[in-house]
Amino acid sequence: MDGQSGRQKTEAMAERALAIHPGCDVRIMPKFFNESSATEILEAGFDAVIDASDPGVS
């Protein structure tokens, strides 16, 4: 995955998924998954939700 530094993770992951399986239907929803967004994201009817957030720095 060279050359991915600085790109949005949502876009890079969508591109990667389509490279692996060109027939898959990828929909990017670049939102933080939290209490206020959970209902909107989960009710969208997706088969899978990918959390691509980085762990917090301590």
PDB file of N, CA and C in Angstrom:
ATOM      1  N   MET A   1       0.825  -1.182   0.000  1.00  0.00           N
ATOM      2  CA  MET A   1       0.000   0.000   0.000  1.00  0.00           C
ATOM      3  C   MET A   1       0.871   1.249   0.000  1.00  0.00           C
ATOM      4  N   ASP A   2       1.978   1.172  -0.720  1.00  0.00           N
ATOM      5  CA  ASP A   2       2.841   2.339  -0.852  1.00  0.00           C
ATOM      6  C   ASP A   2       2.083   3.500  -1.476  1.00  0.00           C
ATOM      7  N   GLY A   3       2.472   4.705  -1.135  1.00  0.00           N
ATOM      8  CA  GLY A   3       1.866   5.891  -1.704  1.00  0.00           C
ATOM      9  C   GLY A   3       0.542   6.282  -1.088  1.00  0.00           C
ATOM     10  N   GLN A   4       0.173   5.667   0.020  1.00  0.00           N
ATOM     11  CA  GLN A   4      -1.111   5.956   0.646  1.00  0.00           C
ATOM     12  C   GLN A   4      -1.019   7.019   1.733  1.00  0.00           C
ATOM     13  N   SER A   5       0.195   7.375   2.129  1.00  0.00           N
ATOM     14  CA  SER A   5       0.369   8.344   3.202  1.00  0.00           C
ATOM     15  C   SER A   5      -0.279   9.671   2.829  1.00  0.00           C
ATOM     16  N   GLY A   6      -1.051  10.222   3.763  1.00  0.00           N
ATOM     17  CA  GLY A   6      -1.704  11.498   3.559  1.00  0.00           C
ATOM     18  C   GLY A   6      -3.090  11.404   2.937  1.00  0.00           C
ATOM     19  N   ARG A   7      -3.490  10.238   2.471  1.00  0.00           N
ATOM     20  CA  ARG A   7      -4.820  10.065   1.880  1.00  0.00           C
ATOM     21  C   ARG A   7      -5.852   9.804   2.963  1.00  0.00           C
ATOM     22  N   GLN A   8      -7.100  10.125   2.668  1.00  0.00           N
ATOM     23  CA  GLN A   8      -8.193   9.772   3.574  1.00  0.00           C
ATOM     24  C   GLN A   8      -8.282   8.250   3.637  1.00  0.00           C
ATOM     25  N   LYS A   9      -8.392   7.713   4.829  1.00  0.00           N
ATOM     26  CA  LYS A   9      -8.486   6.264   4.995  1.00  0.00           C
ATOM     27  C   LYS A   9      -9.723   5.696   4.316  1.00  0.00           C
ATOM     28  N   THR A  10     -10.803   6.460   4.344  1.00  0.00           N
ATOM     29  CA  THR A  10     -12.037   5.978   3.718  1.00  0.00           C
ATOM     30  C   THR A  10     -11.828   5.756   2.225  1.00  0.00           C
ATOM     31  N   GLU A  11     -11.159   6.680   1.570  1.00  0.00           N
ATOM     32  CA  GLU A  11     -10.908   6.555   0.139  1.00  0.00           C
ATOM     33  C   GLU A  11      -9.925   5.430  -0.167  1.00  0.00           C
ATOM     34  N   ALA A  12      -8.861   5.329   0.619  1.00  0.00           N
ATOM     35  CA  ALA A  12      -7.866   4.281   0.404  1.00  0.00           C
ATOM     36  C   ALA A  12      -8.474   2.891   0.615  1.00  0.00           C
ATOM     37  N   MET A  13      -9.295   2.738   1.645  1.00  0.00           N
ATOM     38  CA  MET A  13      -9.918   1.440   1.905  1.00  0.00           C
ATOM     39  C   MET A  13     -10.931   1.077   0.825  1.00  0.00           C
ATOM     40  N   ALA A  14     -11.678   2.055   0.346  1.00  0.00           N
ATOM     41  CA  ALA A  14     -12.639   1.798  -0.734  1.00  0.00           C
ATOM     42  C   ALA A  14     -11.915   1.344  -1.986  1.00  0.00           C
ATOM     43  N   GLU A  15     -10.831   2.020  -2.317  1.00  0.00           N
ATOM     44  CA  GLU A  15     -10.037   1.652  -3.486  1.00  0.00           C
ATOM     45  C   GLU A  15      -9.481   0.243  -3.341  1.00  0.00           C
ATOM     46  N   ARG A  16      -8.993  -0.080  -2.162  1.00  0.00           N
ATOM     47  CA  ARG A  16      -8.419  -1.413  -1.896  1.00  0.00           C
ATOM     48  C   ARG A  16      -9.498  -2.491  -2.002  1.00  0.00           C
ATOM     49  N   ALA A  17     -10.666  -2.255  -1.422  1.00  0.00           N
ATOM     50  CA  ALA A  17     -11.762  -3.229  -1.488  1.00  0.00           C
ATOM     51  C   ALA A  17     -12.168  -3.479  -2.934  1.00  0.00           C
ATOM     52  N   LEU A  18     -12.239  -2.424  -3.730  1.00  0.00           N
ATOM     53  CA  LEU A  18     -12.618  -2.578  -5.134  1.00  0.00           C
ATOM     54  C   LEU A  18     -11.527  -3.273  -5.947  1.00  0.00           C
ATOM     55  N   ALA A  19     -10.267  -3.091  -5.565  1.00  0.00           N
ATOM     56  CA  ALA A  19      -9.172  -3.786  -6.241  1.00  0.00           C
ATOM     57  C   ALA A  19      -9.240  -5.284  -5.968  1.00  0.00           C
ATOM     58  N   ILE A  20      -9.646  -5.646  -4.754  1.00  0.00           N
ATOM     59  CA  ILE A  20      -9.766  -7.060  -4.380  1.00  0.00           C
ATOM     60  C   ILE A  20     -11.011  -7.674  -4.996  1.00  0.00           C
ATOM     61  N   HIS A  21     -12.120  -6.945  -4.951  1.00  0.00           N
ATOM     62  CA  HIS A  21     -13.395  -7.465  -5.462  1.00  0.00           C
ATOM     63  C   HIS A  21     -14.123  -6.344  -6.215  1.00  0.00           C
ATOM     64  N   PRO A  22     -13.854  -6.224  -7.518  1.00  0.00           N
ATOM     65  CA  PRO A  22     -14.416  -5.116  -8.294  1.00  0.00           C
ATOM     66  C   PRO A  22     -15.944  -5.035  -8.291  1.00  0.00           C
ATOM     67  N   GLY A  23     -16.619  -6.127  -8.014  1.00  0.00           N
ATOM     68  CA  GLY A  23     -18.073  -6.123  -8.035  1.00  0.00           C
ATOM     69  C   GLY A  23     -18.727  -5.657  -6.747  1.00  0.00           C
ATOM     70  N   CYS A  24     -17.932  -5.359  -5.727  1.00  0.00           N
ATOM     71  CA  CYS A  24     -18.551  -4.981  -4.458  1.00  0.00           C
ATOM     72  C   CYS A  24     -19.038  -3.529  -4.504  1.00  0.00           C
ATOM     73  N   ASP A  25     -20.074  -3.262  -3.769  1.00  0.00           N
ATOM     74  CA  ASP A  25     -20.691  -1.940  -3.707  1.00  0.00           C
ATOM     75  C   ASP A  25     -20.133  -1.222  -2.485  1.00  0.00           C
ATOM     76  N   VAL A  26     -19.231  -0.285  -2.715  1.00  0.00           N
ATOM     77  CA  VAL A  26     -18.574   0.424  -1.624  1.00  0.00           C
ATOM     78  C   VAL A  26     -19.178   1.816  -1.507  1.00  0.00           C
ATOM     79  N   ARG A  27     -19.600   2.159  -0.327  1.00  0.00           N
ATOM     80  CA  ARG A  27     -20.136   3.498  -0.059  1.00  0.00           C
ATOM     81  C   ARG A  27     -19.345   4.113   1.076  1.00  0.00           C
ATOM     82  N   ILE A  28     -18.764   5.235   0.788  1.00  0.00           N
ATOM     83  CA  ILE A  28     -17.930   5.912   1.782  1.00  0.00           C
ATOM     84  C   ILE A  28     -18.795   6.842   2.623  1.00  0.00           C
ATOM     85  N   MET A  29     -18.671   6.687   3.930  1.00  0.00           N
ATOM     86  CA  MET A  29     -19.363   7.557   4.870  1.00  0.00           C
ATOM     87  C   MET A  29     -18.299   8.045   5.858  1.00  0.00           C
ATOM     88  N   PRO A  30     -17.562   9.093   5.498  1.00  0.00           N
ATOM     89  CA  PRO A  30     -16.452   9.542   6.351  1.00  0.00           C
ATOM     90  C   PRO A  30     -16.938  10.300   7.585  1.00  0.00           C
ATOM     91  N   LYS A  31     -17.400   9.557   8.551  1.00  0.00           N
ATOM     92  CA  LYS A  31     -17.912  10.134   9.795  1.00  0.00           C
ATOM     93  C   LYS A  31     -17.283   9.401  10.966  1.00  0.00           C
ATOM     94  N   PHE A  32     -17.191  10.101  12.056  1.00  0.00           N
ATOM     95  CA  PHE A  32     -16.770   9.443  13.286  1.00  0.00           C
ATOM     96  C   PHE A  32     -17.943   8.620  13.803  1.00  0.00           C
ATOM     97  N   PHE A  33     -17.653   7.397  14.220  1.00  0.00           N
ATOM     98  CA  PHE A  33     -18.681   6.542  14.809  1.00  0.00           C
ATOM     99  C   PHE A  33     -18.699   6.817  16.300  1.00  0.00           C
ATOM    100  N   ASN A  34     -19.770   7.436  16.744  1.00  0.00           N
ATOM    101  CA  ASN A  34     -19.913   7.729  18.166  1.00  0.00           C
ATOM    102  C   ASN A  34     -21.399   7.688  18.511  1.00  0.00           C
ATOM    103  N   GLU A  35     -21.710   8.038  19.728  1.00  0.00           N
ATOM    104  CA  GLU A  35     -23.093   7.945  20.197  1.00  0.00           C
ATOM    105  C   GLU A  35     -24.056   8.756  19.329  1.00  0.00           C
ATOM    106  N   SER A  36     -23.640   9.920  18.886  1.00  0.00           N
ATOM    107  CA  SER A  36     -24.547  10.764  18.108  1.00  0.00           C
ATOM    108  C   SER A  36     -24.679  10.343  16.644  1.00  0.00           C
ATOM    109  N   SER A  37     -23.706   9.592  16.118  1.00  0.00           N
ATOM    110  CA  SER A  37     -23.780   9.175  14.711  1.00  0.00           C
ATOM    111  C   SER A  37     -24.156   7.706  14.530  1.00  0.00           C
ATOM    112  N   ALA A  38     -24.168   6.939  15.596  1.00  0.00           N
ATOM    113  CA  ALA A  38     -24.379   5.488  15.499  1.00  0.00           C
ATOM    114  C   ALA A  38     -25.684   5.122  14.803  1.00  0.00           C
ATOM    115  N   THR A  39     -26.775   5.738  15.166  1.00  0.00           N
ATOM    116  CA  THR A  39     -28.068   5.392  14.567  1.00  0.00           C
ATOM    117  C   THR A  39     -28.058   5.653  13.068  1.00  0.00           C
ATOM    118  N   GLU A  40     -27.589   6.814  12.659  1.00  0.00           N
ATOM    119  CA  GLU A  40     -27.536   7.149  11.226  1.00  0.00           C
ATOM    120  C   GLU A  40     -26.688   6.144  10.452  1.00  0.00           C
ATOM    121  N   ILE A  41     -25.544   5.798  10.983  1.00  0.00           N
ATOM    122  CA  ILE A  41     -24.638   4.877  10.281  1.00  0.00           C
ATOM    123  C   ILE A  41     -25.217   3.465  10.249  1.00  0.00           C
ATOM    124  N   LEU A  42     -25.676   2.955  11.374  1.00  0.00           N
ATOM    125  CA  LEU A  42     -26.150   1.573  11.439  1.00  0.00           C
ATOM    126  C   LEU A  42     -27.483   1.364  10.736  1.00  0.00           C
ATOM    127  N   GLU A  43     -28.311   2.399  10.647  1.00  0.00           N
ATOM    128  CA  GLU A  43     -29.592   2.257   9.970  1.00  0.00           C
ATOM    129  C   GLU A  43     -29.490   2.436   8.457  1.00  0.00           C
ATOM    130  N   ALA A  44     -28.302   2.711   7.954  1.00  0.00           N
ATOM    131  CA  ALA A  44     -28.114   2.911   6.512  1.00  0.00           C
ATOM    132  C   ALA A  44     -28.212   1.599   5.736  1.00  0.00           C
ATOM    133  N   GLY A  45     -28.234   0.468   6.439  1.00  0.00           N
ATOM    134  CA  GLY A  45     -28.421  -0.816   5.786  1.00  0.00           C
ATOM    135  C   GLY A  45     -27.161  -1.426   5.208  1.00  0.00           C
ATOM    136  N   PHE A  46     -26.014  -1.040   5.708  1.00  0.00           N
ATOM    137  CA  PHE A  46     -24.759  -1.614   5.238  1.00  0.00           C
ATOM    138  C   PHE A  46     -24.612  -3.049   5.730  1.00  0.00           C
ATOM    139  N   ASP A  47     -23.905  -3.871   4.950  1.00  0.00           N
ATOM    140  CA  ASP A  47     -23.581  -5.226   5.387  1.00  0.00           C
ATOM    141  C   ASP A  47     -22.381  -5.217   6.331  1.00  0.00           C
ATOM    142  N   ALA A  48     -21.533  -4.204   6.195  1.00  0.00           N
ATOM    143  CA  ALA A  48     -20.346  -4.096   7.046  1.00  0.00           C
ATOM    144  C   ALA A  48     -20.041  -2.629   7.273  1.00  0.00           C
ATOM    145  N   VAL A  49     -19.484  -2.341   8.435  1.00  0.00           N
ATOM    146  CA  VAL A  49     -19.027  -0.997   8.775  1.00  0.00           C
ATOM    147  C   VAL A  49     -17.589  -1.136   9.218  1.00  0.00           C
ATOM    148  N   ILE A  50     -16.698  -0.331   8.627  1.00  0.00           N
ATOM    149  CA  ILE A  50     -15.285  -0.389   8.973  1.00  0.00           C
ATOM    150  C   ILE A  50     -14.914   0.856   9.749  1.00  0.00           C
ATOM    151  N   ASP A  51     -14.364   0.654  10.917  1.00  0.00           N
ATOM    152  CA  ASP A  51     -13.866   1.755  11.727  1.00  0.00           C
ATOM    153  C   ASP A  51     -12.377   1.876  11.434  1.00  0.00           C
ATOM    154  N   ALA A  52     -11.984   2.936  10.760  1.00  0.00           N
ATOM    155  CA  ALA A  52     -10.588   3.111  10.371  1.00  0.00           C
ATOM    156  C   ALA A  52      -9.909   4.198  11.189  1.00  0.00           C
ATOM    157  N   SER A  53     -10.353   4.367  12.409  1.00  0.00           N
ATOM    158  CA  SER A  53      -9.757   5.408  13.245  1.00  0.00           C
ATOM    159  C   SER A  53      -8.456   4.924  13.851  1.00  0.00           C
ATOM    160  N   ASP A  54      -7.606   5.868  14.155  1.00  0.00           N
ATOM    161  CA  ASP A  54      -6.340   5.566  14.821  1.00  0.00           C
ATOM    162  C   ASP A  54      -6.573   5.512  16.318  1.00  0.00           C
ATOM    163  N   PRO A  55      -5.800   4.695  17.018  1.00  0.00           N
ATOM    164  CA  PRO A  55      -5.932   4.692  18.473  1.00  0.00           C
ATOM    165  C   PRO A  55      -5.450   6.035  19.036  1.00  0.00           C
ATOM    166  N   GLY A  56      -6.014   6.428  20.122  1.00  0.00           N
ATOM    167  CA  GLY A  56      -5.603   7.674  20.760  1.00  0.00           C
ATOM    168  C   GLY A  56      -4.168   7.592  21.272  1.00  0.00           C
ATOM    169  N   VAL A  57      -3.524   8.703  21.288  1.00  0.00           N
ATOM    170  CA  VAL A  57      -2.145   8.770  21.788  1.00  0.00           C
ATOM    171  C   VAL A  57      -2.198   9.127  23.257  1.00  0.00           C
ATOM    172  N   SER A  58      -1.442   8.359  24.076  1.00  0.00           N
ATOM    173  CA  SER A  58      -1.445   8.660  25.500  1.00  0.00           C
ATOM    174  C   SER A  58      -0.121   9.167  25.964  1.00  0.00           C
TER     175      SER A  58
END
